[in-house]
């Protein structure tokens, strides 16, 4: 298994399913760790291996920040919470879904989303949420992690801007699988809103765009994100 990918000082990407489902680690000066998302149900095994490859142990994880309550992000959360003893942070709107262990509803205006919304696979182990977070909040994590509420993929979806390193964790506001794109429609709670709020990302200052789905963009990251959004939203 490939080890964690260093994006910047004290910021690492963990590929829990190749680069197609990611989690992130932020390292504090005192050695404590913050995990962003916990992947699918089986992801904690890979997350723990990544932590140990950095010379750390699971108990060094003191916080887990959840970008949104979907099974490919929260599926491993309950297990990660048990194995680390970490406090879990989630946006107020998605917190009830994380506690219930079920994804928010999907956009009924889209046929595929409607079908997927009633099929098995929308549930995950219920998780305890210790702190509810809000837009604009600066979390005391690794020098400052800014919460950027970007609803639409779910109504409590957040991106996270690590201002000291210039790494923007976009969550599922944007995907970078085959190429840069918006959230896939069938996974969204409000498709038009997800595209509208992704435009907020272009207003931020960052040097590296880090995705939950796909590899990071290191070169001209902000310019490429802004260009993509401008081209699509002007249509």
Protein backbone atom coordinates (compact mmCIF):
# COMPACT_ATOMS: atom_id res chain seq x y z
CA UNK A 1 0.00 0.00 0.00
CA UNK A 2 1.30 3.43 -0.91
CA UNK A 3 2.09 5.65 2.05
CA UNK A 4 0.62 9.08 2.78
CA UNK A 5 1.35 11.81 0.22
CA UNK A 6 2.86 14.98 1.65
CA UNK A 7 1.07 18.05 0.28
CA UNK A 8 2.75 20.66 2.46
CA UNK A 9 4.47 20.86 5.81
CA UNK A 10 2.33 18.87 8.25
CA UNK A 11 -0.43 18.12 5.68
CA UNK A 12 -0.82 14.64 4.17
CA UNK A 13 -3.26 12.91 1.83
CA UNK A 14 -4.19 9.29 2.59
CA UNK A 15 -5.51 7.32 -0.37
CA UNK A 16 -8.01 4.97 1.25
CA UNK A 17 -9.10 3.58 -2.13
CA UNK A 18 -6.24 4.54 -4.42
CA UNK A 19 -6.49 8.30 -4.95
CA UNK A 20 -10.22 7.97 -5.61
CA UNK A 21 -11.38 8.17 -1.99
CA UNK A 22 -9.10 10.24 0.20
CA UNK A 23 -8.71 11.27 3.81
CA UNK A 24 -6.29 13.88 5.14
CA UNK A 25 -4.01 14.25 8.14
CA UNK A 26 -2.85 17.49 9.71
CA UNK A 27 0.01 17.37 12.21
CA UNK A 28 0.28 19.73 15.17
CA UNK A 29 3.64 21.02 16.48
CA UNK A 30 3.07 18.89 19.60
CA UNK A 31 2.58 15.76 17.48
CA UNK A 32 -1.20 15.52 17.79
CA UNK A 33 -3.10 14.66 14.61
CA UNK A 34 -6.35 15.80 13.03
CA UNK A 35 -8.01 13.46 10.53
CA UNK A 36 -10.31 14.87 7.85
CA UNK A 37 -12.92 12.25 6.86
CA UNK A 38 -12.69 8.52 7.50
CA UNK A 39 -13.55 6.97 4.14
CA UNK A 40 -15.59 3.85 3.57
CA UNK A 41 -16.21 1.19 6.21
CA UNK A 42 -12.87 -0.54 5.61
CA UNK A 43 -10.78 2.63 5.36
CA UNK A 44 -9.61 2.86 9.01
CA UNK A 45 -7.16 -0.02 8.45
CA UNK A 46 -5.39 2.02 5.76
CA UNK A 47 -5.66 5.20 7.79
CA UNK A 48 -3.98 3.53 10.78
CA UNK A 49 -1.23 2.15 8.53
CA UNK A 50 -0.63 5.67 7.17
CA UNK A 51 -0.51 7.11 10.68
CA UNK A 52 2.01 4.47 11.78
CA UNK A 53 4.16 5.09 8.70
CA UNK A 54 4.63 8.66 9.99
CA UNK A 55 5.89 7.30 13.30
CA UNK A 56 2.59 8.07 15.02
CA UNK A 57 -0.08 5.96 16.69
CA UNK A 58 -3.89 6.05 16.45
CA UNK A 59 -4.21 7.67 19.88
CA UNK A 60 -2.33 10.69 18.49
CA UNK A 61 -5.49 11.53 16.52
CA UNK A 62 -7.36 13.91 18.81
CA UNK A 63 -9.91 15.30 16.31
CA UNK A 64 -11.73 14.10 13.23
CA UNK A 65 -13.40 16.68 10.99
CA UNK A 66 -16.18 15.34 8.76
CA UNK A 67 -16.76 17.22 5.50
CA UNK A 68 -20.23 15.69 5.09
CA UNK A 69 -22.37 12.71 6.06
CA UNK A 70 -22.00 10.33 3.12
CA UNK A 71 -20.92 6.68 3.53
CA UNK A 72 -17.68 7.15 1.55
CA UNK A 73 -16.63 9.82 4.07
CA UNK A 74 -18.31 8.68 7.28
CA UNK A 75 -18.41 4.92 6.67
CA UNK A 76 -15.24 4.39 8.69
CA UNK A 77 -15.93 7.15 11.18
CA UNK A 78 -17.40 5.15 14.05
CA UNK A 79 -14.50 2.70 13.93
CA UNK A 80 -11.93 5.48 13.64
CA UNK A 81 -13.57 7.21 16.58
CA UNK A 82 -13.36 4.02 18.68
CA UNK A 83 -9.74 3.29 17.75
CA UNK A 84 -8.45 6.82 18.35
CA UNK A 85 -10.71 8.27 21.03
CA UNK A 86 -10.87 11.44 18.94
CA UNK A 87 -13.54 14.14 19.17
CA UNK A 88 -15.58 14.48 15.97
CA UNK A 89 -16.54 17.80 14.36
CA UNK A 90 -19.26 18.21 11.72
CA UNK A 91 -21.35 21.04 10.32
CA UNK A 92 -24.59 21.61 12.23
CA UNK A 93 -26.81 20.65 9.28
CA UNK A 94 -25.18 17.27 8.59
CA UNK A 95 -24.61 16.38 12.25
CA UNK A 96 -28.07 14.75 12.72
CA UNK A 97 -27.45 12.49 9.72
CA UNK A 98 -24.02 11.45 11.02
CA UNK A 99 -25.55 10.67 14.40
CA UNK A 100 -28.32 8.63 12.74
CA UNK A 101 -25.91 6.85 10.42
CA UNK A 102 -27.77 7.72 7.23
CA UNK A 103 -26.95 9.99 4.30
CA UNK A 104 -29.11 13.07 3.66
CA UNK A 105 -31.76 12.83 0.92
CA UNK A 106 -30.73 13.20 -2.69
CA UNK A 107 -32.08 15.67 -5.24
CA UNK A 108 -35.47 14.37 -6.35
CA UNK A 109 -35.31 16.43 -9.53
CA UNK A 110 -32.73 13.96 -10.87
CA UNK A 111 -33.98 10.45 -11.73
CA UNK A 112 -30.71 8.65 -10.93
CA UNK A 113 -30.37 10.51 -7.64
CA UNK A 114 -33.95 9.60 -6.77
CA UNK A 115 -33.31 5.92 -7.46
CA UNK A 116 -30.02 5.83 -5.55
CA UNK A 117 -31.66 7.57 -2.63
CA UNK A 118 -33.92 4.58 -1.96
CA UNK A 119 -31.41 1.81 -2.66
CA UNK A 120 -29.27 0.15 0.03
CA UNK A 121 -25.89 1.75 0.60
CA UNK A 122 -26.96 5.06 2.12
CA UNK A 123 -26.38 3.93 5.69
CA UNK A 124 -23.28 3.69 7.87
CA UNK A 125 -22.53 3.11 11.54
CA UNK A 126 -23.95 5.97 13.63
CA UNK A 127 -21.31 8.36 14.95
CA UNK A 128 -21.07 10.62 17.95
CA UNK A 129 -20.62 14.27 16.97
CA UNK A 130 -18.85 16.18 19.73
CA UNK A 131 -18.82 19.64 18.17
CA UNK A 132 -20.97 21.27 15.50
CA UNK A 133 -19.12 23.73 13.28
CA UNK A 134 -20.26 26.66 11.15
CA UNK A 135 -19.29 28.70 8.11
CA UNK A 136 -16.31 30.99 8.56
CA UNK A 137 -15.22 29.37 11.81
CA UNK A 138 -11.44 29.20 12.27
CA UNK A 139 -10.69 25.90 13.95
CA UNK A 140 -7.67 25.77 16.21
CA UNK A 141 -6.11 23.00 14.13
CA UNK A 142 -2.52 23.03 12.84
CA UNK A 143 -2.30 26.80 12.91
CA UNK A 144 -5.79 27.51 11.59
CA UNK A 145 -8.32 25.51 9.56
CA UNK A 146 -11.08 27.66 8.07
CA UNK A 147 -14.57 26.18 7.63
CA UNK A 148 -16.13 27.08 4.27
CA UNK A 149 -19.78 26.04 4.06
CA UNK A 150 -20.53 24.89 0.51
CA UNK A 151 -24.02 23.35 0.63
CA UNK A 152 -25.57 21.43 -2.21
CA UNK A 153 -23.70 18.15 -2.32
CA UNK A 154 -25.27 17.87 1.12
CA UNK A 155 -26.76 20.85 2.88
CA UNK A 156 -24.10 20.66 5.59
CA UNK A 157 -21.15 20.08 3.26
CA UNK A 158 -17.96 22.00 4.07
CA UNK A 159 -14.61 22.65 2.45
CA UNK A 160 -11.62 23.28 4.72
CA UNK A 161 -8.93 25.85 4.00
CA UNK A 162 -5.67 25.27 5.88
CA UNK A 163 -4.46 28.84 5.66
CA UNK A 164 -0.90 28.34 7.00
CA UNK A 165 0.02 25.80 4.31
CA UNK A 166 -2.14 27.03 1.45
CA UNK A 167 -3.89 23.65 1.14
CA UNK A 168 -7.61 23.81 0.37
CA UNK A 169 -9.48 20.55 1.07
CA UNK A 170 -12.44 21.01 -1.25
CA UNK A 171 -14.50 18.10 0.05
CA UNK A 172 -16.94 17.01 -2.66
CA UNK A 173 -17.58 20.52 -3.97
CA UNK A 174 -15.32 19.52 -6.85
CA UNK A 175 -14.03 16.16 -8.09
CA UNK A 176 -10.71 15.50 -9.84
CA UNK A 177 -11.11 11.92 -11.01
CA UNK A 178 -10.65 11.87 -14.78
CA UNK A 179 -10.63 15.66 -14.91
CA UNK A 180 -11.74 18.62 -12.82
CA UNK A 181 -15.51 18.67 -12.40
CA UNK A 182 -18.44 19.54 -10.18
CA UNK A 183 -20.00 17.05 -7.76
CA UNK A 184 -21.63 14.18 -9.58
CA UNK A 185 -25.33 14.93 -9.87
CA UNK A 186 -26.63 11.62 -8.57
CA UNK A 187 -24.84 12.16 -5.24
CA UNK A 188 -26.15 15.69 -4.58
CA UNK A 189 -28.92 16.87 -2.31
CA UNK A 190 -29.39 20.07 -4.36
CA UNK A 191 -27.62 19.96 -7.73
CA UNK A 192 -27.88 23.66 -8.76
CA UNK A 193 -26.86 24.82 -5.30
CA UNK A 194 -23.80 22.53 -5.28
CA UNK A 195 -22.54 24.26 -8.44
CA UNK A 196 -23.36 27.73 -7.16
CA UNK A 197 -21.56 27.30 -3.85
CA UNK A 198 -18.52 25.69 -5.48
CA UNK A 199 -17.92 29.19 -6.80
CA UNK A 200 -16.95 30.21 -3.26
CA UNK A 201 -13.77 28.20 -3.62
CA UNK A 202 -12.44 30.51 -6.31
CA UNK A 203 -12.69 33.42 -3.88
CA UNK A 204 -10.28 31.80 -1.41
CA UNK A 205 -6.50 32.05 -1.24
CA UNK A 206 -4.77 28.68 -1.64
CA UNK A 207 -1.83 27.08 -3.42
CA UNK A 208 -2.85 23.41 -3.53
CA UNK A 209 -6.33 22.04 -4.22
CA UNK A 210 -6.90 18.74 -2.38
CA UNK A 211 -9.84 16.55 -3.36
CA UNK A 212 -11.69 13.77 -1.60
CA UNK A 213 -12.00 12.09 -4.99
CA UNK A 214 -8.89 12.27 -7.13
CA UNK A 215 -5.32 13.53 -6.81
CA UNK A 216 -4.41 17.05 -5.74
CA UNK A 217 -3.60 19.95 -8.06
CA UNK A 218 -0.30 21.59 -7.19
CA UNK A 219 0.44 23.82 -10.19
CA UNK A 220 -1.65 26.98 -10.57
CA UNK A 221 -4.29 25.38 -8.36
CA UNK A 222 -6.28 28.50 -7.55
CA UNK A 223 -6.14 29.74 -11.15
CA UNK A 224 -7.28 26.38 -12.51
CA UNK A 225 -10.17 26.16 -10.05
CA UNK A 226 -11.24 29.74 -10.79
CA UNK A 227 -11.01 29.20 -14.55
CA UNK A 228 -13.05 26.00 -14.38
CA UNK A 229 -15.77 27.60 -12.27
CA UNK A 230 -15.93 30.75 -14.40
CA UNK A 231 -16.23 28.77 -17.62
CA UNK A 232 -19.01 26.51 -16.30
CA UNK A 233 -21.06 29.06 -14.39
CA UNK A 234 -21.08 31.55 -17.27
CA UNK A 235 -22.80 29.04 -19.55
